[in-house]
Amino acid sequence: MYVVTVTFTVVPESFESFIKLSMANADAAKDEPGCLQFDICWNDKEKQVFFYELYGSEEEFNTHLQTEHFLLFDQKTGPMVTDKKSVTYTRIHMA
């Protein structure tokens, strides 16, 4: 399994719009054959949004990056984000 984590620092005034766009992106991604999980989390103390995404393979994730809904999300949220960090993992165990 291919795990993608993304941490966003969002401009406070854009938070509600960012979350709505994030939810639309995640909801559309769940219909992709390779997307197994797409969680959106919020850390109020750090004012960060965290995505946890699980795909069957790196190729399936790369397909996600080419979808219309992702490209729209990326375009619209770019100005709302002051920092973005993405890290990928290979899941080796699930309890």
PDB file of N, CA and C in Angstrom:
ATOM      1  N   MET A   1       0.839  -1.188   0.000  1.00  0.00           N
ATOM      2  CA  MET A   1       0.000   0.000   0.000  1.00  0.00           C
ATOM      3  C   MET A   1       0.881   1.247   0.000  1.00  0.00           C
ATOM      4  N   TYR A   2       0.387   2.257  -0.684  1.00  0.00           N
ATOM      5  CA  TYR A   2       1.118   3.515  -0.838  1.00  0.00           C
ATOM      6  C   TYR A   2       0.401   4.582  -0.009  1.00  0.00           C
ATOM      7  N   VAL A   3       1.119   5.153   0.939  1.00  0.00           N
ATOM      8  CA  VAL A   3       0.555   6.137   1.859  1.00  0.00           C
ATOM      9  C   VAL A   3       1.101   7.523   1.520  1.00  0.00           C
ATOM     10  N   VAL A   4       0.195   8.482   1.462  1.00  0.00           N
ATOM     11  CA  VAL A   4       0.572   9.876   1.218  1.00  0.00           C
ATOM     12  C   VAL A   4       0.044  10.712   2.377  1.00  0.00           C
ATOM     13  N   THR A   5       0.929  11.491   2.985  1.00  0.00           N
ATOM     14  CA  THR A   5       0.499  12.440   4.004  1.00  0.00           C
ATOM     15  C   THR A   5       0.852  13.838   3.512  1.00  0.00           C
ATOM     16  N   VAL A   6      -0.065  14.749   3.731  1.00  0.00           N
ATOM     17  CA  VAL A   6       0.161  16.141   3.330  1.00  0.00           C
ATOM     18  C   VAL A   6      -0.278  17.027   4.487  1.00  0.00           C
ATOM     19  N   THR A   7       0.602  17.922   4.894  1.00  0.00           N
ATOM     20  CA  THR A   7       0.291  18.881   5.946  1.00  0.00           C
ATOM     21  C   THR A   7       0.263  20.275   5.329  1.00  0.00           C
ATOM     22  N   PHE A   8      -0.862  20.954   5.528  1.00  0.00           N
ATOM     23  CA  PHE A   8      -1.060  22.297   5.000  1.00  0.00           C
ATOM     24  C   PHE A   8      -1.172  23.288   6.157  1.00  0.00           C
ATOM     25  N   THR A   9      -0.503  24.405   6.036  1.00  0.00           N
ATOM     26  CA  THR A   9      -0.767  25.541   6.908  1.00  0.00           C
ATOM     27  C   THR A   9      -1.623  26.491   6.076  1.00  0.00           C
ATOM     28  N   VAL A  10      -2.818  26.763   6.586  1.00  0.00           N
ATOM     29  CA  VAL A  10      -3.827  27.494   5.812  1.00  0.00           C
ATOM     30  C   VAL A  10      -3.984  28.905   6.364  1.00  0.00           C
ATOM     31  N   VAL A  11      -4.126  29.860   5.454  1.00  0.00           N
ATOM     32  CA  VAL A  11      -4.429  31.234   5.848  1.00  0.00           C
ATOM     33  C   VAL A  11      -5.735  31.200   6.646  1.00  0.00           C
ATOM     34  N   PRO A  12      -5.752  31.712   7.879  1.00  0.00           N
ATOM     35  CA  PRO A  12      -6.948  31.588   8.732  1.00  0.00           C
ATOM     36  C   PRO A  12      -8.251  32.032   8.072  1.00  0.00           C
ATOM     37  N   GLU A  13      -8.217  33.110   7.312  1.00  0.00           N
ATOM     38  CA  GLU A  13      -9.428  33.615   6.677  1.00  0.00           C
ATOM     39  C   GLU A  13      -9.944  32.679   5.577  1.00  0.00           C
ATOM     40  N   SER A  14      -9.108  31.773   5.129  1.00  0.00           N
ATOM     41  CA  SER A  14      -9.475  30.850   4.046  1.00  0.00           C
ATOM     42  C   SER A  14      -9.854  29.465   4.549  1.00  0.00           C
ATOM     43  N   PHE A  15      -9.835  29.269   5.855  1.00  0.00           N
ATOM     44  CA  PHE A  15     -10.010  27.932   6.408  1.00  0.00           C
ATOM     45  C   PHE A  15     -11.303  27.260   5.926  1.00  0.00           C
ATOM     46  N   GLU A  16     -12.419  27.924   6.041  1.00  0.00           N
ATOM     47  CA  GLU A  16     -13.697  27.296   5.661  1.00  0.00           C
ATOM     48  C   GLU A  16     -13.722  26.923   4.184  1.00  0.00           C
ATOM     49  N   SER A  17     -13.251  27.815   3.334  1.00  0.00           N
ATOM     50  CA  SER A  17     -13.200  27.520   1.899  1.00  0.00           C
ATOM     51  C   SER A  17     -12.244  26.365   1.615  1.00  0.00           C
ATOM     52  N   PHE A  18     -11.107  26.361   2.286  1.00  0.00           N
ATOM     53  CA  PHE A  18     -10.133  25.291   2.092  1.00  0.00           C
ATOM     54  C   PHE A  18     -10.729  23.938   2.481  1.00  0.00           C
ATOM     55  N   ILE A  19     -11.425  23.887   3.598  1.00  0.00           N
ATOM     56  CA  ILE A  19     -12.019  22.623   4.053  1.00  0.00           C
ATOM     57  C   ILE A  19     -13.098  22.159   3.079  1.00  0.00           C
ATOM     58  N   LYS A  20     -13.930  23.056   2.591  1.00  0.00           N
ATOM     59  CA  LYS A  20     -14.964  22.665   1.623  1.00  0.00           C
ATOM     60  C   LYS A  20     -14.344  22.081   0.358  1.00  0.00           C
ATOM     61  N   LEU A  21     -13.311  22.722  -0.142  1.00  0.00           N
ATOM     62  CA  LEU A  21     -12.629  22.227  -1.341  1.00  0.00           C
ATOM     63  C   LEU A  21     -11.923  20.898  -1.055  1.00  0.00           C
ATOM     64  N   SER A  22     -11.360  20.770   0.129  1.00  0.00           N
ATOM     65  CA  SER A  22     -10.698  19.513   0.524  1.00  0.00           C
ATOM     66  C   SER A  22     -11.691  18.368   0.580  1.00  0.00           C
ATOM     67  N   MET A  23     -12.842  18.623   1.160  1.00  0.00           N
ATOM     68  CA  MET A  23     -13.868  17.592   1.274  1.00  0.00           C
ATOM     69  C   MET A  23     -14.383  17.172  -0.104  1.00  0.00           C
ATOM     70  N   ALA A  24     -14.549  18.123  -1.002  1.00  0.00           N
ATOM     71  CA  ALA A  24     -14.990  17.790  -2.360  1.00  0.00           C
ATOM     72  C   ALA A  24     -13.939  16.933  -3.059  1.00  0.00           C
ATOM     73  N   ASN A  25     -12.677  17.276  -2.880  1.00  0.00           N
ATOM     74  CA  ASN A  25     -11.586  16.499  -3.470  1.00  0.00           C
ATOM     75  C   ASN A  25     -11.556  15.082  -2.891  1.00  0.00           C
ATOM     76  N   ALA A  26     -11.654  14.962  -1.588  1.00  0.00           N
ATOM     77  CA  ALA A  26     -11.625  13.643  -0.936  1.00  0.00           C
ATOM     78  C   ALA A  26     -12.837  12.807  -1.338  1.00  0.00           C
ATOM     79  N   ASP A  27     -14.006  13.422  -1.384  1.00  0.00           N
ATOM     80  CA  ASP A  27     -15.220  12.687  -1.757  1.00  0.00           C
ATOM     81  C   ASP A  27     -15.132  12.171  -3.193  1.00  0.00           C
ATOM     82  N   ALA A  28     -14.565  12.969  -4.087  1.00  0.00           N
ATOM     83  CA  ALA A  28     -14.399  12.515  -5.469  1.00  0.00           C
ATOM     84  C   ALA A  28     -13.328  11.434  -5.558  1.00  0.00           C
ATOM     85  N   ALA A  29     -12.268  11.560  -4.769  1.00  0.00           N
ATOM     86  CA  ALA A  29     -11.176  10.579  -4.794  1.00  0.00           C
ATOM     87  C   ALA A  29     -11.652   9.203  -4.337  1.00  0.00           C
ATOM     88  N   LYS A  30     -12.608   9.160  -3.409  1.00  0.00           N
ATOM     89  CA  LYS A  30     -13.047   7.854  -2.896  1.00  0.00           C
ATOM     90  C   LYS A  30     -13.691   7.007  -3.993  1.00  0.00           C
ATOM     91  N   ASP A  31     -14.095   7.625  -5.095  1.00  0.00           N
ATOM     92  CA  ASP A  31     -14.671   6.888  -6.216  1.00  0.00           C
ATOM     93  C   ASP A  31     -13.609   6.406  -7.209  1.00  0.00           C
ATOM     94  N   GLU A  32     -12.364   6.808  -7.007  1.00  0.00           N
ATOM     95  CA  GLU A  32     -11.272   6.336  -7.852  1.00  0.00           C
ATOM     96  C   GLU A  32     -10.951   4.887  -7.468  1.00  0.00           C
ATOM     97  N   PRO A  33     -10.680   4.028  -8.455  1.00  0.00           N
ATOM     98  CA  PRO A  33     -10.421   2.620  -8.140  1.00  0.00           C
ATOM     99  C   PRO A  33      -9.216   2.399  -7.221  1.00  0.00           C
ATOM    100  N   GLY A  34      -8.208   3.256  -7.267  1.00  0.00           N
ATOM    101  CA  GLY A  34      -7.005   3.046  -6.467  1.00  0.00           C
ATOM    102  C   GLY A  34      -7.020   3.670  -5.090  1.00  0.00           C
ATOM    103  N   CYS A  35      -7.986   4.562  -4.823  1.00  0.00           N
ATOM    104  CA  CYS A  35      -8.030   5.259  -3.527  1.00  0.00           C
ATOM    105  C   CYS A  35      -8.767   4.418  -2.506  1.00  0.00           C
ATOM    106  N   LEU A  36      -8.059   4.008  -1.468  1.00  0.00           N
ATOM    107  CA  LEU A  36      -8.632   3.152  -0.431  1.00  0.00           C
ATOM    108  C   LEU A  36      -9.064   3.935   0.805  1.00  0.00           C
ATOM    109  N   GLN A  37      -8.469   5.099   1.009  1.00  0.00           N
ATOM    110  CA  GLN A  37      -8.797   5.912   2.181  1.00  0.00           C
ATOM    111  C   GLN A  37      -8.329   7.335   1.933  1.00  0.00           C
ATOM    112  N   PHE A  38      -9.111   8.305   2.426  1.00  0.00           N
ATOM    113  CA  PHE A  38      -8.727   9.712   2.293  1.00  0.00           C
ATOM    114  C   PHE A  38      -9.299  10.448   3.497  1.00  0.00           C
ATOM    115  N   ASP A  39      -8.466  10.658   4.499  1.00  0.00           N
ATOM    116  CA  ASP A  39      -8.887  11.325   5.732  1.00  0.00           C
ATOM    117  C   ASP A  39      -8.389  12.771   5.738  1.00  0.00           C
ATOM    118  N   ILE A  40      -9.222  13.656   6.266  1.00  0.00           N
ATOM    119  CA  ILE A  40      -8.852  15.056   6.454  1.00  0.00           C
ATOM    120  C   ILE A  40      -8.917  15.327   7.953  1.00  0.00           C
ATOM    121  N   CYS A  41      -7.813  15.828   8.499  1.00  0.00           N
ATOM    122  CA  CYS A  41      -7.718  16.072   9.942  1.00  0.00           C
ATOM    123  C   CYS A  41      -7.315  17.529  10.185  1.00  0.00           C
ATOM    124  N   TRP A  42      -7.660  18.035  11.370  1.00  0.00           N
ATOM    125  CA  TRP A  42      -7.394  19.429  11.711  1.00  0.00           C
ATOM    126  C   TRP A  42      -6.688  19.493  13.054  1.00  0.00           C
ATOM    127  N   ASN A  43      -5.613  20.289  13.119  1.00  0.00           N
ATOM    128  CA  ASN A  43      -4.903  20.547  14.363  1.00  0.00           C
ATOM    129  C   ASN A  43      -5.094  22.023  14.686  1.00  0.00           C
ATOM    130  N   ASP A  44      -5.978  22.290  15.628  1.00  0.00           N
ATOM    131  CA  ASP A  44      -6.314  23.678  15.965  1.00  0.00           C
ATOM    132  C   ASP A  44      -5.121  24.422  16.547  1.00  0.00           C
ATOM    133  N   LYS A  45      -4.330  23.754  17.372  1.00  0.00           N
ATOM    134  CA  LYS A  45      -3.185  24.403  18.011  1.00  0.00           C
ATOM    135  C   LYS A  45      -2.176  24.893  16.978  1.00  0.00           C
ATOM    136  N   GLU A  46      -1.871  24.051  15.998  1.00  0.00           N
ATOM    137  CA  GLU A  46      -0.884  24.394  14.973  1.00  0.00           C
ATOM    138  C   GLU A  46      -1.514  25.091  13.758  1.00  0.00           C
ATOM    139  N   LYS A  47      -2.860  25.116  13.716  1.00  0.00           N
ATOM    140  CA  LYS A  47      -3.588  25.703  12.583  1.00  0.00           C
ATOM    141  C   LYS A  47      -3.197  25.018  11.270  1.00  0.00           C
ATOM    142  N   GLN A  48      -3.178  23.687  11.331  1.00  0.00           N
ATOM    143  CA  GLN A  48      -2.800  22.895  10.168  1.00  0.00           C
ATOM    144  C   GLN A  48      -3.883  21.897   9.804  1.00  0.00           C
ATOM    145  N   VAL A  49      -3.961  21.604   8.514  1.00  0.00           N
ATOM    146  CA  VAL A  49      -4.833  20.562   7.990  1.00  0.00           C
ATOM    147  C   VAL A  49      -3.917  19.436   7.523  1.00  0.00           C
ATOM    148  N   PHE A  50      -4.310  18.208   7.834  1.00  0.00           N
ATOM    149  CA  PHE A  50      -3.494  17.031   7.525  1.00  0.00           C
ATOM    150  C   PHE A  50      -4.322  16.051   6.712  1.00  0.00           C
ATOM    151  N   PHE A  51      -3.786  15.628   5.575  1.00  0.00           N
ATOM    152  CA  PHE A  51      -4.426  14.591   4.759  1.00  0.00           C
ATOM    153  C   PHE A  51      -3.684  13.279   4.984  1.00  0.00           C
ATOM    154  N   TYR A  52      -4.441  12.201   5.135  1.00  0.00           N
ATOM    155  CA  TYR A  52      -3.896  10.848   5.145  1.00  0.00           C
ATOM    156  C   TYR A  52      -4.587  10.111   4.012  1.00  0.00           C
ATOM    157  N   GLU A  53      -3.806   9.743   3.006  1.00  0.00           N
ATOM    158  CA  GLU A  53      -4.365   9.101   1.819  1.00  0.00           C
ATOM    159  C   GLU A  53      -3.710   7.729   1.639  1.00  0.00           C
ATOM    160  N   LEU A  54      -4.521   6.749   1.289  1.00  0.00           N
ATOM    161  CA  LEU A  54      -4.026   5.393   1.093  1.00  0.00           C
ATOM    162  C   LEU A  54      -4.446   4.911  -0.284  1.00  0.00           C
ATOM    163  N   TYR A  55      -3.463   4.514  -1.073  1.00  0.00           N
ATOM    164  CA  TYR A  55      -3.691   4.025  -2.434  1.00  0.00           C
ATOM    165  C   TYR A  55      -3.090   2.630  -2.571  1.00  0.00           C
ATOM    166  N   GLY A  56      -3.591   1.894  -3.543  1.00  0.00           N
ATOM    167  CA  GLY A  56      -3.076   0.560  -3.786  1.00  0.00           C
ATOM    168  C   GLY A  56      -1.643   0.563  -4.289  1.00  0.00           C
ATOM    169  N   SER A  57      -1.259   1.650  -4.980  1.00  0.00           N
ATOM    170  CA  SER A  57       0.088   1.740  -5.533  1.00  0.00           C
ATOM    171  C   SER A  57       0.439   3.197  -5.809  1.00  0.00           C
ATOM    172  N   GLU A  58       1.712   3.439  -6.042  1.00  0.00           N
ATOM    173  CA  GLU A  58       2.163   4.779  -6.392  1.00  0.00           C
ATOM    174  C   GLU A  58       1.551   5.214  -7.726  1.00  0.00           C
ATOM    175  N   GLU A  59       1.408   4.284  -8.649  1.00  0.00           N
ATOM    176  CA  GLU A  59       0.824   4.593  -9.952  1.00  0.00           C
ATOM    177  C   GLU A  59      -0.623   5.069  -9.802  1.00  0.00           C
ATOM    178  N   GLU A  60      -1.362   4.441  -8.898  1.00  0.00           N
ATOM    179  CA  GLU A  60      -2.757   4.858  -8.670  1.00  0.00           C
ATOM    180  C   GLU A  60      -2.816   6.254  -8.054  1.00  0.00           C
ATOM    181  N   PHE A  61      -1.863   6.559  -7.187  1.00  0.00           N
ATOM    182  CA  PHE A  61      -1.803   7.912  -6.641  1.00  0.00           C
ATOM    183  C   PHE A  61      -1.475   8.918  -7.746  1.00  0.00           C
ATOM    184  N   ASN A  62      -0.529   8.561  -8.607  1.00  0.00           N
ATOM    185  CA  ASN A  62      -0.168   9.463  -9.709  1.00  0.00           C
ATOM    186  C   ASN A  62      -1.354   9.699 -10.640  1.00  0.00           C
ATOM    187  N   THR A  63      -2.202   8.696 -10.814  1.00  0.00           N
ATOM    188  CA  THR A  63      -3.427   8.872 -11.600  1.00  0.00           C
ATOM    189  C   THR A  63      -4.341   9.880 -10.909  1.00  0.00           C
ATOM    190  N   HIS A  64      -4.436   9.802  -9.582  1.00  0.00           N
ATOM    191  CA  HIS A  64      -5.236  10.758  -8.806  1.00  0.00           C
ATOM    192  C   HIS A  64      -4.776  12.190  -9.077  1.00  0.00           C
ATOM    193  N   LEU A  65      -3.465  12.385  -9.169  1.00  0.00           N
ATOM    194  CA  LEU A  65      -2.923  13.727  -9.382  1.00  0.00           C
ATOM    195  C   LEU A  65      -3.291  14.324 -10.736  1.00  0.00           C
ATOM    196  N   GLN A  66      -3.787  13.504 -11.648  1.00  0.00           N
ATOM    197  CA  GLN A  66      -4.180  13.975 -12.972  1.00  0.00           C
ATOM    198  C   GLN A  66      -5.692  14.154 -13.127  1.00  0.00           C
ATOM    199  N   THR A  67      -6.447  13.848 -12.080  1.00  0.00           N
ATOM    200  CA  THR A  67      -7.904  13.949 -12.177  1.00  0.00           C
ATOM    201  C   THR A  67      -8.348  15.408 -12.182  1.00  0.00           C
ATOM    202  N   GLU A  68      -9.497  15.632 -12.780  1.00  0.00           N
ATOM    203  CA  GLU A  68     -10.042  16.985 -12.844  1.00  0.00           C
ATOM    204  C   GLU A  68     -10.298  17.548 -11.448  1.00  0.00           C
ATOM    205  N   HIS A  69     -10.835  16.728 -10.554  1.00  0.00           N
ATOM    206  CA  HIS A  69     -11.151  17.233  -9.209  1.00  0.00           C
ATOM    207  C   HIS A  69      -9.893  17.607  -8.432  1.00  0.00           C
ATOM    208  N   PHE A  70      -8.795  16.835  -8.588  1.00  0.00           N
ATOM    209  CA  PHE A  70      -7.556  17.200  -7.897  1.00  0.00           C
ATOM    210  C   PHE A  70      -6.971  18.480  -8.479  1.00  0.00           C
ATOM    211  N   LEU A  71      -6.925  18.580  -9.804  1.00  0.00           N
ATOM    212  CA  LEU A  71      -6.351  19.770 -10.436  1.00  0.00           C
ATOM    213  C   LEU A  71      -7.118  21.031 -10.043  1.00  0.00           C
ATOM    214  N   LEU A  72      -8.446  20.928  -9.937  1.00  0.00           N
ATOM    215  CA  LEU A  72      -9.259  22.059  -9.497  1.00  0.00           C
ATOM    216  C   LEU A  72      -8.953  22.408  -8.041  1.00  0.00           C
ATOM    217  N   PHE A  73      -8.874  21.389  -7.187  1.00  0.00           N
ATOM    218  CA  PHE A  73      -8.518  21.596  -5.776  1.00  0.00           C
ATOM    219  C   PHE A  73      -7.164  22.301  -5.666  1.00  0.00           C
ATOM    220  N   ASP A  74      -6.179  21.793  -6.370  1.00  0.00           N
ATOM    221  CA  ASP A  74      -4.823  22.333  -6.306  1.00  0.00           C
ATOM    222  C   ASP A  74      -4.787  23.790  -6.763  1.00  0.00           C
ATOM    223  N   GLN A  75      -5.489  24.085  -7.834  1.00  0.00           N
ATOM    224  CA  GLN A  75      -5.519  25.442  -8.371  1.00  0.00           C
ATOM    225  C   GLN A  75      -6.203  26.410  -7.401  1.00  0.00           C
ATOM    226  N   LYS A  76      -7.364  26.014  -6.900  1.00  0.00           N
ATOM    227  CA  LYS A  76      -8.144  26.928  -6.054  1.00  0.00           C
ATOM    228  C   LYS A  76      -7.546  27.113  -4.663  1.00  0.00           C
ATOM    229  N   THR A  77      -6.890  26.089  -4.125  1.00  0.00           N
ATOM    230  CA  THR A  77      -6.379  26.202  -2.755  1.00  0.00           C
ATOM    231  C   THR A  77      -4.967  26.770  -2.677  1.00  0.00           C
ATOM    232  N   GLY A  78      -4.259  26.815  -3.802  1.00  0.00           N
ATOM    233  CA  GLY A  78      -2.886  27.332  -3.779  1.00  0.00           C
ATOM    234  C   GLY A  78      -2.725  28.644  -3.032  1.00  0.00           C
ATOM    235  N   PRO A  79      -3.538  29.661  -3.322  1.00  0.00           N
ATOM    236  CA  PRO A  79      -3.401  30.941  -2.634  1.00  0.00           C
ATOM    237  C   PRO A  79      -3.822  30.898  -1.153  1.00  0.00           C
ATOM    238  N   MET A  80      -4.474  29.830  -0.746  1.00  0.00           N
ATOM    239  CA  MET A  80      -4.952  29.717   0.636  1.00  0.00           C
ATOM    240  C   MET A  80      -3.914  29.100   1.569  1.00  0.00           C
ATOM    241  N   VAL A  81      -2.816  28.607   1.019  1.00  0.00           N
ATOM    242  CA  VAL A  81      -1.840  27.827   1.774  1.00  0.00           C
ATOM    243  C   VAL A  81      -0.534  28.592   1.913  1.00  0.00           C
ATOM    244  N   THR A  82      -0.025  28.676   3.148  1.00  0.00           N
ATOM    245  CA  THR A  82       1.264  29.339   3.362  1.00  0.00           C
ATOM    246  C   THR A  82       2.402  28.335   3.440  1.00  0.00           C
ATOM    247  N   ASP A  83       2.078  27.065   3.695  1.00  0.00           N
ATOM    248  CA  ASP A  83       3.102  26.019   3.743  1.00  0.00           C
ATOM    249  C   ASP A  83       2.442  24.678   3.446  1.00  0.00           C
ATOM    250  N   LYS A  84       3.171  23.834   2.726  1.00  0.00           N
ATOM    251  CA  LYS A  84       2.650  22.509   2.369  1.00  0.00           C
ATOM    252  C   LYS A  84       3.805  21.522   2.396  1.00  0.00           C
ATOM    253  N   LYS A  85       3.600  20.411   3.112  1.00  0.00           N
ATOM    254  CA  LYS A  85       4.634  19.382   3.182  1.00  0.00           C
ATOM    255  C   LYS A  85       3.987  18.042   2.877  1.00  0.00           C
ATOM    256  N   SER A  86       4.540  17.349   1.884  1.00  0.00           N
ATOM    257  CA  SER A  86       4.027  16.047   1.487  1.00  0.00           C
ATOM    258  C   SER A  86       5.101  14.992   1.737  1.00  0.00           C
ATOM    259  N   VAL A  87       4.685  13.859   2.317  1.00  0.00           N
ATOM    260  CA  VAL A  87       5.592  12.753   2.585  1.00  0.00           C
ATOM    261  C   VAL A  87       4.876  11.471   2.172  1.00  0.00           C
ATOM    262  N   THR A  88       5.614  10.560   1.545  1.00  0.00           N
ATOM    263  CA  THR A  88       5.024   9.281   1.147  1.00  0.00           C
ATOM    264  C   THR A  88       5.678   8.142   1.914  1.00  0.00           C
ATOM    265  N   TYR A  89       4.913   7.075   2.084  1.00  0.00           N
ATOM    266  CA  TYR A  89       5.361   5.901   2.815  1.00  0.00           C
ATOM    267  C   TYR A  89       4.848   4.645   2.109  1.00  0.00           C
ATOM    268  N   THR A  90       5.463   3.544   2.437  1.00  0.00           N
ATOM    269  CA  THR A  90       4.929   2.239   2.074  1.00  0.00           C
ATOM    270  C   THR A  90       4.440   1.597   3.360  1.00  0.00           C
ATOM    271  N   ARG A  91       3.157   1.250   3.384  1.00  0.00           N
ATOM    272  CA  ARG A  91       2.604   0.633   4.600  1.00  0.00           C
ATOM    273  C   ARG A  91       3.122  -0.796   4.698  1.00  0.00           C
ATOM    274  N   ILE A  92       3.683  -1.135   5.855  1.00  0.00           N
ATOM    275  CA  ILE A  92       4.230  -2.477   6.040  1.00  0.00           C
ATOM    276  C   ILE A  92       3.458  -3.324   7.040  1.00  0.00           C
ATOM    277  N   HIS A  93       2.574  -2.673   7.812  1.00  0.00           N
ATOM    278  CA  HIS A  93       1.786  -3.439   8.789  1.00  0.00           C
ATOM    279  C   HIS A  93       0.537  -2.659   9.160  1.00  0.00           C
ATOM    280  N   MET A  94      -0.559  -3.363   9.341  1.00  0.00           N
ATOM    281  CA  MET A  94      -1.787  -2.750   9.819  1.00  0.00           C
ATOM    282  C   MET A  94      -2.327  -3.613  10.940  1.00  0.00           C
ATOM    283  N   ALA A  95      -2.531  -3.034  12.099  1.00  0.00           N
ATOM    284  CA  ALA A  95      -3.048  -3.795  13.246  1.00  0.00           C
ATOM    285  C   ALA A  95      -4.550  -3.693  13.316  1.00  0.00           C
TER     286      ALA A  95
END
